Amino acid sequence: MVKIRLKRVGAKKAPFYNIVIADSRTARNGKIIEEIGYYNPMTNPAEIKIDLEKVEKWIKNGAKPTDTVRYLIDKSKVGEQKA
């Protein structure tokens, strides 16, 4: 099963995440299929950049976002509507 999930790339005590498409059986920082955005929780407000077209394409192809990524996608859509 393919998942849309977070891949941690930040330093200790300074998290930074890439939003990636990966097989659910791979490790958190293992092999990925495609990178579709990033999430930086250390800024105020948190910085979220997601390619929503790629998200829609992958969801139509059967990818399931994790709960956290689903929240970030919704937040990104709301931010895009305000702009």
N, C-alpha and C. Protein backbone atom coordinates (compact mmCIF):
# COMPACT_ATOMS: atom_id res chain seq x y z
N MET A 1 0.84 -1.18 0.00
CA MET A 1 0.00 0.00 0.00
C MET A 1 0.89 1.25 0.00
N VAL A 2 0.49 2.22 -0.76
CA VAL A 2 1.25 3.47 -0.86
C VAL A 2 0.67 4.49 0.12
N LYS A 3 1.55 5.18 0.83
CA LYS A 3 1.14 6.17 1.83
C LYS A 3 1.74 7.53 1.49
N ILE A 4 1.02 8.58 1.87
CA ILE A 4 1.56 9.93 1.84
C ILE A 4 1.90 10.23 3.29
N ARG A 5 3.19 10.43 3.58
CA ARG A 5 3.61 10.57 4.96
C ARG A 5 4.79 11.52 5.12
N LEU A 6 5.16 11.75 6.38
CA LEU A 6 6.26 12.66 6.68
C LEU A 6 7.58 11.90 6.77
N LYS A 7 8.64 12.54 6.29
CA LYS A 7 10.00 12.01 6.40
C LYS A 7 10.81 13.05 7.14
N ARG A 8 11.30 12.71 8.32
CA ARG A 8 12.04 13.69 9.12
C ARG A 8 13.45 13.87 8.57
N VAL A 9 13.83 15.14 8.36
CA VAL A 9 15.17 15.44 7.86
C VAL A 9 15.87 16.48 8.73
N GLY A 10 15.22 16.98 9.75
CA GLY A 10 15.79 18.03 10.60
C GLY A 10 16.79 17.50 11.60
N ALA A 11 17.51 18.41 12.21
CA ALA A 11 18.50 18.07 13.22
C ALA A 11 17.81 17.76 14.56
N LYS A 12 18.59 17.30 15.52
CA LYS A 12 18.07 17.03 16.85
C LYS A 12 17.50 18.33 17.45
N LYS A 13 16.29 18.25 17.97
CA LYS A 13 15.57 19.38 18.57
C LYS A 13 15.21 20.48 17.57
N ALA A 14 15.35 20.20 16.28
CA ALA A 14 14.97 21.16 15.24
C ALA A 14 14.32 20.39 14.09
N PRO A 15 13.08 19.92 14.29
CA PRO A 15 12.46 19.08 13.27
C PRO A 15 12.14 19.83 11.98
N PHE A 16 12.28 19.13 10.88
CA PHE A 16 11.89 19.59 9.55
C PHE A 16 11.47 18.34 8.81
N TYR A 17 10.35 18.40 8.12
CA TYR A 17 9.81 17.20 7.49
C TYR A 17 9.58 17.42 6.00
N ASN A 18 9.90 16.40 5.22
CA ASN A 18 9.51 16.36 3.82
C ASN A 18 8.23 15.54 3.75
N ILE A 19 7.30 15.95 2.91
CA ILE A 19 6.08 15.19 2.70
C ILE A 19 6.32 14.35 1.46
N VAL A 20 6.25 13.02 1.63
CA VAL A 20 6.67 12.10 0.58
C VAL A 20 5.61 11.05 0.30
N ILE A 21 5.76 10.42 -0.87
CA ILE A 21 4.98 9.25 -1.24
C ILE A 21 5.92 8.07 -1.04
N ALA A 22 5.49 7.08 -0.24
CA ALA A 22 6.34 5.92 0.04
C ALA A 22 5.48 4.68 0.25
N ASP A 23 6.09 3.52 0.03
CA ASP A 23 5.44 2.25 0.34
C ASP A 23 5.29 2.17 1.85
N SER A 24 4.17 1.67 2.33
CA SER A 24 3.92 1.63 3.77
C SER A 24 4.87 0.69 4.50
N ARG A 25 5.53 -0.21 3.79
CA ARG A 25 6.42 -1.18 4.44
C ARG A 25 7.84 -0.65 4.62
N THR A 26 8.18 0.48 4.01
CA THR A 26 9.53 1.02 4.15
C THR A 26 9.67 1.79 5.46
N ALA A 27 10.90 1.97 5.89
CA ALA A 27 11.18 2.71 7.12
C ALA A 27 10.81 4.18 6.95
N ARG A 28 10.68 4.90 8.07
CA ARG A 28 10.28 6.31 8.03
C ARG A 28 11.18 7.13 7.12
N ASN A 29 12.48 6.93 7.22
CA ASN A 29 13.41 7.68 6.38
C ASN A 29 14.00 6.79 5.28
N GLY A 30 13.25 5.78 4.88
CA GLY A 30 13.71 4.85 3.85
C GLY A 30 13.45 5.37 2.45
N LYS A 31 13.42 4.42 1.52
CA LYS A 31 13.24 4.74 0.11
C LYS A 31 11.87 5.38 -0.13
N ILE A 32 11.86 6.44 -0.94
CA ILE A 32 10.61 7.13 -1.26
C ILE A 32 10.34 7.02 -2.75
N ILE A 33 9.08 7.24 -3.13
CA ILE A 33 8.69 7.25 -4.54
C ILE A 33 8.79 8.66 -5.10
N GLU A 34 8.24 9.63 -4.35
CA GLU A 34 8.25 11.03 -4.81
C GLU A 34 8.12 11.96 -3.62
N GLU A 35 8.78 13.11 -3.70
CA GLU A 35 8.65 14.15 -2.68
C GLU A 35 7.67 15.19 -3.21
N ILE A 36 6.65 15.53 -2.38
CA ILE A 36 5.62 16.44 -2.86
C ILE A 36 5.50 17.72 -2.04
N GLY A 37 6.36 17.91 -1.05
CA GLY A 37 6.29 19.14 -0.27
C GLY A 37 7.12 19.05 0.99
N TYR A 38 6.95 20.06 1.86
CA TYR A 38 7.67 20.06 3.13
C TYR A 38 6.85 20.76 4.20
N TYR A 39 7.26 20.52 5.46
CA TYR A 39 6.59 21.09 6.62
C TYR A 39 7.66 21.49 7.62
N ASN A 40 7.67 22.78 8.00
CA ASN A 40 8.62 23.29 8.97
C ASN A 40 7.85 23.79 10.19
N PRO A 41 7.77 22.98 11.27
CA PRO A 41 7.01 23.40 12.44
C PRO A 41 7.75 24.40 13.33
N MET A 42 9.01 24.69 13.04
CA MET A 42 9.81 25.57 13.90
C MET A 42 9.55 27.06 13.64
N THR A 43 8.98 27.41 12.51
CA THR A 43 8.68 28.81 12.24
C THR A 43 7.35 29.18 12.89
N ASN A 44 7.10 30.47 13.03
CA ASN A 44 5.84 30.91 13.61
C ASN A 44 5.18 31.88 12.65
N PRO A 45 4.12 31.54 11.96
CA PRO A 45 3.41 30.26 11.99
C PRO A 45 4.17 29.18 11.23
N ALA A 46 3.79 27.92 11.44
CA ALA A 46 4.46 26.79 10.78
C ALA A 46 4.36 26.94 9.27
N GLU A 47 5.44 26.61 8.58
CA GLU A 47 5.51 26.74 7.12
C GLU A 47 5.14 25.41 6.48
N ILE A 48 4.13 25.44 5.61
CA ILE A 48 3.68 24.24 4.91
C ILE A 48 3.66 24.54 3.43
N LYS A 49 4.33 23.71 2.63
CA LYS A 49 4.29 23.83 1.18
C LYS A 49 4.03 22.45 0.61
N ILE A 50 2.88 22.31 -0.06
CA ILE A 50 2.49 21.02 -0.63
C ILE A 50 2.01 21.25 -2.06
N ASP A 51 2.45 20.39 -2.97
CA ASP A 51 1.96 20.41 -4.35
C ASP A 51 0.62 19.68 -4.38
N LEU A 52 -0.48 20.44 -4.29
CA LEU A 52 -1.81 19.85 -4.16
C LEU A 52 -2.23 19.07 -5.40
N GLU A 53 -1.71 19.43 -6.57
CA GLU A 53 -2.04 18.67 -7.79
C GLU A 53 -1.48 17.25 -7.70
N LYS A 54 -0.26 17.13 -7.20
CA LYS A 54 0.34 15.80 -7.05
C LYS A 54 -0.38 15.00 -5.96
N VAL A 55 -0.82 15.68 -4.90
CA VAL A 55 -1.56 15.00 -3.84
C VAL A 55 -2.84 14.41 -4.42
N GLU A 56 -3.59 15.20 -5.18
CA GLU A 56 -4.84 14.72 -5.78
C GLU A 56 -4.57 13.54 -6.71
N LYS A 57 -3.50 13.64 -7.51
CA LYS A 57 -3.15 12.55 -8.44
C LYS A 57 -2.87 11.26 -7.68
N TRP A 58 -2.09 11.34 -6.59
CA TRP A 58 -1.73 10.15 -5.83
C TRP A 58 -2.94 9.58 -5.09
N ILE A 59 -3.80 10.43 -4.56
CA ILE A 59 -4.99 9.93 -3.86
C ILE A 59 -5.92 9.22 -4.83
N LYS A 60 -6.04 9.75 -6.05
CA LYS A 60 -6.85 9.08 -7.08
C LYS A 60 -6.27 7.73 -7.45
N ASN A 61 -4.93 7.60 -7.34
CA ASN A 61 -4.27 6.33 -7.65
C ASN A 61 -4.24 5.38 -6.45
N GLY A 62 -4.85 5.76 -5.33
CA GLY A 62 -4.98 4.84 -4.21
C GLY A 62 -4.08 5.11 -3.02
N ALA A 63 -3.30 6.18 -3.03
CA ALA A 63 -2.44 6.49 -1.88
C ALA A 63 -3.28 6.99 -0.72
N LYS A 64 -2.93 6.59 0.49
CA LYS A 64 -3.65 7.01 1.69
C LYS A 64 -2.75 7.93 2.51
N PRO A 65 -3.20 9.17 2.79
CA PRO A 65 -2.40 10.05 3.65
C PRO A 65 -2.53 9.64 5.12
N THR A 66 -1.46 9.83 5.88
CA THR A 66 -1.53 9.61 7.32
C THR A 66 -2.38 10.71 7.93
N ASP A 67 -2.77 10.55 9.19
CA ASP A 67 -3.62 11.55 9.85
C ASP A 67 -2.96 12.92 9.87
N THR A 68 -1.67 12.96 10.19
CA THR A 68 -0.94 14.23 10.26
C THR A 68 -0.88 14.89 8.89
N VAL A 69 -0.59 14.11 7.86
CA VAL A 69 -0.50 14.67 6.51
C VAL A 69 -1.87 15.13 6.03
N ARG A 70 -2.92 14.41 6.38
CA ARG A 70 -4.28 14.84 6.00
C ARG A 70 -4.58 16.21 6.61
N TYR A 71 -4.19 16.40 7.88
CA TYR A 71 -4.37 17.68 8.56
C TYR A 71 -3.58 18.78 7.84
N LEU A 72 -2.32 18.49 7.46
CA LEU A 72 -1.49 19.49 6.79
C LEU A 72 -2.05 19.84 5.40
N ILE A 73 -2.59 18.84 4.70
CA ILE A 73 -3.19 19.10 3.38
C ILE A 73 -4.39 20.03 3.54
N ASP A 74 -5.25 19.73 4.51
CA ASP A 74 -6.42 20.59 4.75
C ASP A 74 -6.00 22.01 5.11
N LYS A 75 -4.99 22.13 5.95
CA LYS A 75 -4.49 23.45 6.36
C LYS A 75 -3.90 24.19 5.16
N SER A 76 -3.22 23.46 4.28
CA SER A 76 -2.62 24.06 3.09
C SER A 76 -3.70 24.56 2.13
N LYS A 77 -4.78 23.78 2.00
CA LYS A 77 -5.90 24.20 1.13
C LYS A 77 -6.56 25.47 1.64
N VAL A 78 -6.73 25.57 2.97
CA VAL A 78 -7.34 26.76 3.56
C VAL A 78 -6.43 27.96 3.34
N GLY A 79 -5.12 27.77 3.52
CA GLY A 79 -4.16 28.86 3.30
C GLY A 79 -4.14 29.32 1.86
N GLU A 80 -4.32 28.39 0.93
CA GLU A 80 -4.32 28.74 -0.49
C GLU A 80 -5.58 29.54 -0.85
N GLN A 81 -6.70 29.23 -0.22
CA GLN A 81 -7.93 29.95 -0.50
C GLN A 81 -7.87 31.39 0.00
N LYS A 82 -7.16 31.63 1.11
CA LYS A 82 -7.03 32.99 1.65
C LYS A 82 -6.18 33.86 0.76
N ALA A 83 -5.19 33.27 0.10
CA ALA A 83 -4.25 34.05 -0.73
C ALA A 83 -4.86 34.54 -2.01
